[in-house]
Amino acid sequence: MRHFRLYVFGALVLFGAGMWAWSEIDLKINYVPVNGTVVATNQTCHLEKENNFILAREKKSTNEVPCDLATAAVQPGQKFEGYTIEPRTNIRYSYTSPVDHAVHEGETWRSGTPDRWPDPGAPITIYAGKTKADMSKFVTR
């Protein structure tokens, strides 16, 4: 049984390393770094609550709502008391594609508080597609 656990752990480590390598290779082969600018950011929140039972776990989640509404909804005596607030930030950015030399826009969703993400107007590095003008990735490192 001890060897089986070791093999399973090793397989999971190899799988994770393979996925990371695939992502890095895809980025190097299909994308080129270009300068971009943050056009707009929009933060929304959803509420989550996890209930642990003896044999099961239940996770409840709401739709995306404005964060000030989510903050008001979790106050004591309100309907969603006991829920946690999970913020998400939508980042829209513009960049000049190396394929057609035109300005394109892209967007990405990121979890976490907005102080981790750039403000509108800030310069950022975008990975633009080498063969498709509208293909891009916003990669944080």
Foldseek 3Di string as FASTA:
>chain_A
DVVVVVVVVVVVVVVVVVVVVVVVVCLVPWWDKFKKFWAAKDKWKKWWDWDDDPVDIDIDIDDTDHPVVVVVQCPPPHPNPRIDIKMKMKIKMWTQFPAPRDIEIDIDIDTDDCVVDDHGGDMAIKIATPHDRHDIDRDDD
